[in-house]
């Protein structure tokens, strides 16, 4: 895990580059009724916007808060490194998934009378995907 501020920014950048692409493909394929080549063509319209939101949210909100939340559960002086990393990943997913799903719901569905229901549904669909992509790809 990164320790300096510069390392944290670089790690956040790399994490966001990987996960934003995966989530854009995943959410667009859900919106379009399944994976197709059209998903990849449509993704370029939203990747940069979602990247900007994800990077800023990770740097200013989720990154600092996830460490605080993780260290409430795990003692960093006594726990093994993989336990600390897993705790931080779980806290990050718990924070980033609702925030980025909020952004995705606005981008894909707009703000309508059904916004809250659509947002909650997307959280339920995105959370397992978010957890496993963070845990296994990062």
N, C-alpha and C. Protein backbone atom coordinates (compact mmCIF):
# COMPACT_ATOMS: atom_id res chain seq x y z
N UNK A 1 0.84 -1.18 0.00
CA UNK A 1 0.00 0.00 0.00
C UNK A 1 0.89 1.25 0.00
N UNK A 2 0.41 2.29 -0.65
CA UNK A 2 1.20 3.52 -0.71
C UNK A 2 1.29 4.19 0.67
N UNK A 3 2.41 4.86 0.91
CA UNK A 3 2.60 5.52 2.20
C UNK A 3 2.73 7.04 2.08
N UNK A 4 3.39 7.52 1.03
CA UNK A 4 3.54 8.97 0.88
C UNK A 4 2.35 9.54 0.10
N UNK A 5 2.21 10.84 0.16
CA UNK A 5 1.12 11.51 -0.56
C UNK A 5 1.24 11.27 -2.07
N UNK A 6 2.45 11.37 -2.60
CA UNK A 6 2.66 11.13 -4.03
C UNK A 6 2.29 9.71 -4.41
N UNK A 7 2.70 8.74 -3.61
CA UNK A 7 2.36 7.34 -3.89
C UNK A 7 0.84 7.14 -3.85
N UNK A 8 0.17 7.80 -2.92
CA UNK A 8 -1.29 7.67 -2.83
C UNK A 8 -1.97 8.24 -4.07
N UNK A 9 -1.47 9.35 -4.58
CA UNK A 9 -2.05 9.94 -5.80
C UNK A 9 -1.82 9.02 -7.00
N UNK A 10 -0.62 8.49 -7.12
CA UNK A 10 -0.31 7.58 -8.23
C UNK A 10 -1.15 6.31 -8.12
N UNK A 11 -1.25 5.75 -6.92
CA UNK A 11 -2.05 4.54 -6.71
C UNK A 11 -3.52 4.81 -7.02
N UNK A 12 -4.03 5.96 -6.58
CA UNK A 12 -5.42 6.31 -6.88
C UNK A 12 -5.63 6.45 -8.38
N UNK A 13 -4.69 7.08 -9.06
CA UNK A 13 -4.78 7.24 -10.51
C UNK A 13 -4.85 5.88 -11.21
N UNK A 14 -3.93 4.99 -10.87
CA UNK A 14 -3.91 3.67 -11.50
C UNK A 14 -5.17 2.87 -11.18
N UNK A 15 -5.61 2.91 -9.94
CA UNK A 15 -6.82 2.21 -9.55
C UNK A 15 -8.03 2.73 -10.31
N UNK A 16 -8.15 4.04 -10.40
CA UNK A 16 -9.29 4.65 -11.08
C UNK A 16 -9.26 4.36 -12.57
N UNK A 17 -8.08 4.39 -13.18
CA UNK A 17 -7.99 4.08 -14.62
C UNK A 17 -8.54 2.69 -14.90
N UNK A 18 -8.17 1.72 -14.08
CA UNK A 18 -8.63 0.35 -14.29
C UNK A 18 -10.12 0.21 -13.99
N UNK A 19 -10.53 0.66 -12.81
CA UNK A 19 -11.92 0.41 -12.39
C UNK A 19 -12.94 1.22 -13.17
N UNK A 20 -12.62 2.43 -13.55
CA UNK A 20 -13.60 3.23 -14.30
C UNK A 20 -13.93 2.56 -15.63
N UNK A 21 -12.92 2.07 -16.32
CA UNK A 21 -13.20 1.38 -17.58
C UNK A 21 -14.08 0.16 -17.36
N UNK A 22 -13.75 -0.63 -16.35
CA UNK A 22 -14.55 -1.82 -16.07
C UNK A 22 -16.00 -1.45 -15.74
N UNK A 23 -16.18 -0.41 -14.94
CA UNK A 23 -17.54 -0.02 -14.55
C UNK A 23 -18.32 0.63 -15.68
N UNK A 24 -17.65 1.38 -16.51
CA UNK A 24 -18.35 1.96 -17.66
C UNK A 24 -18.83 0.85 -18.57
N UNK A 25 -17.97 -0.11 -18.87
CA UNK A 25 -18.40 -1.23 -19.72
C UNK A 25 -19.54 -2.00 -19.05
N UNK A 26 -19.41 -2.26 -17.77
CA UNK A 26 -20.41 -3.02 -17.02
C UNK A 26 -21.76 -2.30 -17.00
N UNK A 27 -21.75 -1.02 -16.63
CA UNK A 27 -23.02 -0.28 -16.53
C UNK A 27 -23.64 -0.01 -17.89
N UNK A 28 -22.82 0.30 -18.88
CA UNK A 28 -23.38 0.50 -20.22
C UNK A 28 -23.98 -0.80 -20.76
N UNK A 29 -23.33 -1.91 -20.51
CA UNK A 29 -23.90 -3.17 -21.00
C UNK A 29 -25.22 -3.48 -20.31
N UNK A 30 -25.37 -3.11 -19.05
CA UNK A 30 -26.65 -3.29 -18.37
C UNK A 30 -27.70 -2.37 -18.99
N UNK A 31 -27.34 -1.12 -19.23
CA UNK A 31 -28.28 -0.16 -19.81
C UNK A 31 -28.68 -0.54 -21.24
N UNK A 32 -27.75 -1.15 -21.98
CA UNK A 32 -28.01 -1.48 -23.38
C UNK A 32 -28.53 -2.91 -23.57
N UNK A 33 -28.77 -3.61 -22.49
CA UNK A 33 -29.34 -4.95 -22.60
C UNK A 33 -28.35 -6.06 -22.83
N UNK A 34 -27.08 -5.81 -22.64
CA UNK A 34 -26.06 -6.84 -22.79
C UNK A 34 -24.80 -6.28 -23.43
N UNK A 35 -23.76 -7.04 -23.36
CA UNK A 35 -22.47 -6.62 -23.90
C UNK A 35 -22.48 -6.74 -25.42
N UNK A 36 -21.99 -5.72 -26.07
CA UNK A 36 -21.86 -5.72 -27.52
C UNK A 36 -20.75 -4.74 -27.90
N UNK A 37 -20.39 -4.73 -29.17
CA UNK A 37 -19.37 -3.78 -29.63
C UNK A 37 -19.83 -2.34 -29.45
N UNK A 38 -21.15 -2.12 -29.47
CA UNK A 38 -21.68 -0.77 -29.29
C UNK A 38 -21.35 -0.22 -27.89
N UNK A 39 -21.23 -1.10 -26.91
CA UNK A 39 -20.85 -0.68 -25.55
C UNK A 39 -19.48 -0.02 -25.58
N UNK A 40 -18.53 -0.63 -26.28
CA UNK A 40 -17.18 -0.07 -26.35
C UNK A 40 -17.17 1.26 -27.09
N UNK A 41 -17.98 1.36 -28.13
CA UNK A 41 -18.04 2.62 -28.89
C UNK A 41 -18.69 3.72 -28.06
N UNK A 42 -19.72 3.38 -27.29
CA UNK A 42 -20.41 4.38 -26.47
C UNK A 42 -19.61 4.77 -25.23
N UNK A 43 -18.70 3.92 -24.82
CA UNK A 43 -17.98 4.17 -23.57
C UNK A 43 -17.08 5.40 -23.63
N UNK A 44 -16.56 5.71 -24.78
CA UNK A 44 -15.63 6.85 -24.86
C UNK A 44 -16.30 8.17 -24.50
N UNK A 45 -17.63 8.22 -24.58
CA UNK A 45 -18.35 9.46 -24.25
C UNK A 45 -18.40 9.71 -22.75
N UNK A 46 -18.31 8.66 -21.95
CA UNK A 46 -18.48 8.83 -20.51
C UNK A 46 -17.24 8.50 -19.68
N UNK A 47 -16.26 7.83 -20.26
CA UNK A 47 -15.09 7.40 -19.48
C UNK A 47 -14.37 8.58 -18.84
N UNK A 48 -14.11 9.63 -19.58
CA UNK A 48 -13.36 10.76 -19.02
C UNK A 48 -14.14 11.47 -17.92
N UNK A 49 -15.44 11.60 -18.10
CA UNK A 49 -16.26 12.25 -17.07
C UNK A 49 -16.25 11.41 -15.79
N UNK A 50 -16.48 10.11 -15.94
CA UNK A 50 -16.48 9.24 -14.76
C UNK A 50 -15.09 9.15 -14.14
N UNK A 51 -14.06 9.17 -14.96
CA UNK A 51 -12.70 9.15 -14.43
C UNK A 51 -12.46 10.38 -13.55
N UNK A 52 -12.85 11.55 -14.03
CA UNK A 52 -12.64 12.79 -13.27
C UNK A 52 -13.36 12.72 -11.92
N UNK A 53 -14.62 12.30 -11.93
CA UNK A 53 -15.36 12.18 -10.68
C UNK A 53 -14.70 11.16 -9.75
N UNK A 54 -14.38 9.99 -10.28
CA UNK A 54 -13.80 8.92 -9.46
C UNK A 54 -12.46 9.33 -8.86
N UNK A 55 -11.62 9.96 -9.64
CA UNK A 55 -10.30 10.37 -9.15
C UNK A 55 -10.44 11.41 -8.04
N UNK A 56 -11.28 12.41 -8.25
CA UNK A 56 -11.47 13.45 -7.23
C UNK A 56 -12.10 12.89 -5.96
N UNK A 57 -13.10 12.02 -6.13
CA UNK A 57 -13.73 11.41 -4.95
C UNK A 57 -12.74 10.53 -4.19
N UNK A 58 -11.91 9.80 -4.92
CA UNK A 58 -10.92 8.92 -4.27
C UNK A 58 -9.87 9.73 -3.52
N UNK A 59 -9.37 10.79 -4.14
CA UNK A 59 -8.31 11.60 -3.52
C UNK A 59 -8.82 12.37 -2.31
N UNK A 60 -9.98 13.01 -2.43
CA UNK A 60 -10.44 13.93 -1.39
C UNK A 60 -11.39 13.33 -0.37
N UNK A 61 -12.12 12.28 -0.72
CA UNK A 61 -13.11 11.74 0.22
C UNK A 61 -12.82 10.29 0.59
N UNK A 62 -12.91 9.40 -0.39
CA UNK A 62 -12.84 7.96 -0.08
C UNK A 62 -11.47 7.52 0.41
N UNK A 63 -10.41 8.02 -0.19
CA UNK A 63 -9.06 7.62 0.23
C UNK A 63 -8.80 7.91 1.70
N UNK A 64 -8.93 9.16 2.11
CA UNK A 64 -8.68 9.46 3.53
C UNK A 64 -9.67 8.77 4.49
N UNK A 65 -10.94 8.73 4.12
CA UNK A 65 -11.93 8.12 5.00
C UNK A 65 -11.79 6.60 5.08
N UNK A 66 -11.40 5.97 3.97
CA UNK A 66 -11.29 4.50 3.99
C UNK A 66 -10.20 4.04 4.94
N UNK A 67 -9.10 4.76 5.02
CA UNK A 67 -8.06 4.39 5.97
C UNK A 67 -8.55 4.55 7.41
N UNK A 68 -9.25 5.65 7.68
CA UNK A 68 -9.77 5.86 9.03
C UNK A 68 -10.77 4.76 9.41
N UNK A 69 -11.66 4.42 8.48
CA UNK A 69 -12.63 3.36 8.75
C UNK A 69 -11.95 2.01 8.94
N UNK A 70 -10.99 1.71 8.08
CA UNK A 70 -10.28 0.43 8.18
C UNK A 70 -9.52 0.32 9.49
N UNK A 71 -8.90 1.41 9.92
CA UNK A 71 -8.08 1.36 11.13
C UNK A 71 -8.94 1.39 12.40
N UNK A 72 -10.23 1.58 12.26
CA UNK A 72 -11.13 1.39 13.40
C UNK A 72 -11.35 -0.10 13.67
N UNK A 73 -11.24 -0.89 12.60
CA UNK A 73 -11.48 -2.33 12.69
C UNK A 73 -10.18 -3.10 12.86
N UNK A 74 -9.13 -2.64 12.19
CA UNK A 74 -7.85 -3.34 12.16
C UNK A 74 -6.78 -2.45 12.78
N UNK A 75 -6.00 -3.02 13.66
CA UNK A 75 -4.88 -2.29 14.24
C UNK A 75 -3.69 -2.38 13.28
N UNK A 76 -3.25 -1.27 12.69
CA UNK A 76 -2.18 -1.34 11.70
C UNK A 76 -0.83 -1.79 12.26
N UNK A 77 -0.65 -1.69 13.56
CA UNK A 77 0.62 -2.12 14.16
C UNK A 77 0.68 -3.62 14.38
N UNK A 78 -0.49 -4.24 14.52
CA UNK A 78 -0.53 -5.66 14.87
C UNK A 78 -0.98 -6.56 13.72
N UNK A 79 -1.72 -6.01 12.77
CA UNK A 79 -2.29 -6.84 11.71
C UNK A 79 -1.28 -7.11 10.61
N UNK A 80 -1.49 -8.21 9.92
CA UNK A 80 -0.66 -8.56 8.77
C UNK A 80 -1.00 -7.61 7.61
N UNK A 81 -0.04 -7.36 6.72
CA UNK A 81 -0.27 -6.41 5.62
C UNK A 81 -1.48 -6.75 4.75
N UNK A 82 -1.71 -8.03 4.46
CA UNK A 82 -2.86 -8.36 3.61
C UNK A 82 -4.19 -8.09 4.31
N UNK A 83 -4.21 -8.17 5.64
CA UNK A 83 -5.43 -7.85 6.39
C UNK A 83 -5.69 -6.34 6.33
N UNK A 84 -4.64 -5.57 6.48
CA UNK A 84 -4.76 -4.11 6.39
C UNK A 84 -5.23 -3.70 5.00
N UNK A 85 -4.61 -4.27 3.97
CA UNK A 85 -4.99 -3.96 2.59
C UNK A 85 -6.45 -4.33 2.33
N UNK A 86 -6.86 -5.50 2.77
CA UNK A 86 -8.24 -5.94 2.57
C UNK A 86 -9.22 -5.03 3.30
N UNK A 87 -8.89 -4.61 4.50
CA UNK A 87 -9.76 -3.71 5.25
C UNK A 87 -9.90 -2.36 4.54
N UNK A 88 -8.81 -1.84 4.01
CA UNK A 88 -8.86 -0.56 3.29
C UNK A 88 -9.67 -0.72 2.01
N UNK A 89 -9.49 -1.84 1.29
CA UNK A 89 -10.25 -2.09 0.06
C UNK A 89 -11.74 -2.16 0.37
N UNK A 90 -12.11 -2.87 1.43
CA UNK A 90 -13.53 -2.98 1.79
C UNK A 90 -14.12 -1.61 2.13
N UNK A 91 -13.37 -0.81 2.87
CA UNK A 91 -13.86 0.53 3.20
C UNK A 91 -13.95 1.42 1.96
N UNK A 92 -12.98 1.30 1.07
CA UNK A 92 -13.01 2.09 -0.16
C UNK A 92 -14.21 1.74 -1.02
N UNK A 93 -14.48 0.45 -1.17
CA UNK A 93 -15.64 0.02 -1.96
C UNK A 93 -16.93 0.50 -1.30
N UNK A 94 -16.99 0.40 0.02
CA UNK A 94 -18.19 0.86 0.74
C UNK A 94 -18.46 2.34 0.56
N UNK A 95 -17.43 3.12 0.33
CA UNK A 95 -17.59 4.56 0.10
C UNK A 95 -17.76 4.90 -1.38
N UNK A 96 -16.88 4.33 -2.22
CA UNK A 96 -16.88 4.70 -3.64
C UNK A 96 -18.08 4.17 -4.41
N UNK A 97 -18.54 2.98 -4.09
CA UNK A 97 -19.64 2.39 -4.86
C UNK A 97 -20.89 3.27 -4.82
N UNK A 98 -21.37 3.70 -3.66
CA UNK A 98 -22.56 4.57 -3.67
C UNK A 98 -22.31 5.92 -4.35
N UNK A 99 -21.12 6.49 -4.15
CA UNK A 99 -20.84 7.80 -4.74
C UNK A 99 -20.76 7.72 -6.27
N UNK A 100 -20.02 6.74 -6.78
CA UNK A 100 -19.90 6.63 -8.24
C UNK A 100 -21.19 6.11 -8.88
N UNK A 101 -21.95 5.32 -8.15
CA UNK A 101 -23.24 4.88 -8.67
C UNK A 101 -24.19 6.06 -8.76
N UNK A 102 -24.08 6.99 -7.84
CA UNK A 102 -24.86 8.23 -7.89
C UNK A 102 -24.54 8.99 -9.18
N UNK A 103 -23.25 9.14 -9.47
CA UNK A 103 -22.82 9.83 -10.70
C UNK A 103 -23.32 9.08 -11.93
N UNK A 104 -23.17 7.76 -11.94
CA UNK A 104 -23.60 6.96 -13.09
C UNK A 104 -25.11 7.04 -13.29
N UNK A 105 -25.87 7.04 -12.21
CA UNK A 105 -27.33 7.13 -12.33
C UNK A 105 -27.74 8.46 -12.95
N UNK A 106 -27.09 9.53 -12.56
CA UNK A 106 -27.38 10.84 -13.17
C UNK A 106 -27.01 10.82 -14.65
N UNK A 107 -25.85 10.26 -14.97
CA UNK A 107 -25.38 10.26 -16.35
C UNK A 107 -26.26 9.40 -17.26
N UNK A 108 -26.66 8.22 -16.78
CA UNK A 108 -27.39 7.28 -17.64
C UNK A 108 -28.90 7.45 -17.59
N UNK A 109 -29.44 7.89 -16.46
CA UNK A 109 -30.89 7.97 -16.31
C UNK A 109 -31.40 9.38 -16.07
N UNK A 110 -30.53 10.32 -15.74
CA UNK A 110 -30.98 11.66 -15.41
C UNK A 110 -31.61 11.69 -14.02
N UNK A 111 -32.06 12.86 -13.62
CA UNK A 111 -32.74 12.99 -12.33
C UNK A 111 -34.23 13.03 -12.61
N UNK A 112 -34.88 11.94 -12.26
CA UNK A 112 -36.31 11.80 -12.48
C UNK A 112 -36.98 11.45 -11.16
N UNK A 113 -38.28 11.23 -11.22
CA UNK A 113 -39.03 10.82 -10.04
C UNK A 113 -38.57 9.46 -9.54
N UNK A 114 -37.98 8.66 -10.42
CA UNK A 114 -37.50 7.31 -10.08
C UNK A 114 -36.02 7.30 -9.70
N UNK A 115 -35.42 8.46 -9.53
CA UNK A 115 -33.97 8.53 -9.30
C UNK A 115 -33.53 7.69 -8.10
N UNK A 116 -34.18 7.85 -6.97
CA UNK A 116 -33.76 7.12 -5.77
C UNK A 116 -33.84 5.61 -5.99
N UNK A 117 -34.91 5.14 -6.59
CA UNK A 117 -35.06 3.71 -6.86
C UNK A 117 -34.00 3.21 -7.84
N UNK A 118 -33.74 4.00 -8.88
CA UNK A 118 -32.71 3.61 -9.86
C UNK A 118 -31.33 3.59 -9.23
N UNK A 119 -31.05 4.58 -8.40
CA UNK A 119 -29.76 4.65 -7.73
C UNK A 119 -29.56 3.45 -6.80
N UNK A 120 -30.57 3.14 -6.00
CA UNK A 120 -30.48 2.01 -5.08
C UNK A 120 -30.31 0.69 -5.84
N UNK A 121 -31.03 0.53 -6.94
CA UNK A 121 -30.90 -0.68 -7.75
C UNK A 121 -29.49 -0.81 -8.31
N UNK A 122 -28.95 0.29 -8.79
CA UNK A 122 -27.59 0.26 -9.34
C UNK A 122 -26.55 -0.04 -8.24
N UNK A 123 -26.77 0.44 -7.03
CA UNK A 123 -25.84 0.12 -5.94
C UNK A 123 -25.84 -1.39 -5.69
N UNK A 124 -27.03 -1.98 -5.64
CA UNK A 124 -27.13 -3.42 -5.40
C UNK A 124 -26.45 -4.21 -6.52
N UNK A 125 -26.60 -3.76 -7.75
CA UNK A 125 -25.98 -4.44 -8.89
C UNK A 125 -24.47 -4.20 -8.93
N UNK A 126 -24.05 -2.98 -8.62
CA UNK A 126 -22.63 -2.62 -8.73
C UNK A 126 -21.77 -3.08 -7.57
N UNK A 127 -22.36 -3.22 -6.38
CA UNK A 127 -21.52 -3.50 -5.20
C UNK A 127 -20.72 -4.79 -5.32
N UNK A 128 -21.32 -5.93 -5.67
CA UNK A 128 -20.49 -7.14 -5.78
C UNK A 128 -19.41 -7.01 -6.85
N UNK A 129 -19.74 -6.38 -7.96
CA UNK A 129 -18.76 -6.17 -9.03
C UNK A 129 -17.63 -5.27 -8.53
N UNK A 130 -17.98 -4.22 -7.81
CA UNK A 130 -16.97 -3.31 -7.27
C UNK A 130 -16.06 -4.03 -6.28
N UNK A 131 -16.65 -4.80 -5.42
CA UNK A 131 -15.86 -5.50 -4.41
C UNK A 131 -14.85 -6.45 -5.05
N UNK A 132 -15.31 -7.26 -5.97
CA UNK A 132 -14.41 -8.25 -6.56
C UNK A 132 -13.39 -7.63 -7.52
N UNK A 133 -13.76 -6.56 -8.22
CA UNK A 133 -12.75 -5.93 -9.07
C UNK A 133 -11.66 -5.28 -8.22
N UNK A 134 -12.03 -4.66 -7.12
CA UNK A 134 -11.03 -4.07 -6.25
C UNK A 134 -10.15 -5.13 -5.60
N UNK A 135 -10.78 -6.18 -5.15
CA UNK A 135 -10.06 -7.22 -4.42
C UNK A 135 -9.12 -8.02 -5.31
N UNK A 136 -9.54 -8.31 -6.53
CA UNK A 136 -8.76 -9.21 -7.38
C UNK A 136 -7.93 -8.51 -8.45
N UNK A 137 -8.30 -7.31 -8.86
CA UNK A 137 -7.55 -6.65 -9.92
C UNK A 137 -6.58 -5.60 -9.39
N UNK A 138 -6.74 -5.18 -8.19
CA UNK A 138 -5.87 -4.12 -7.66
C UNK A 138 -4.91 -4.69 -6.65
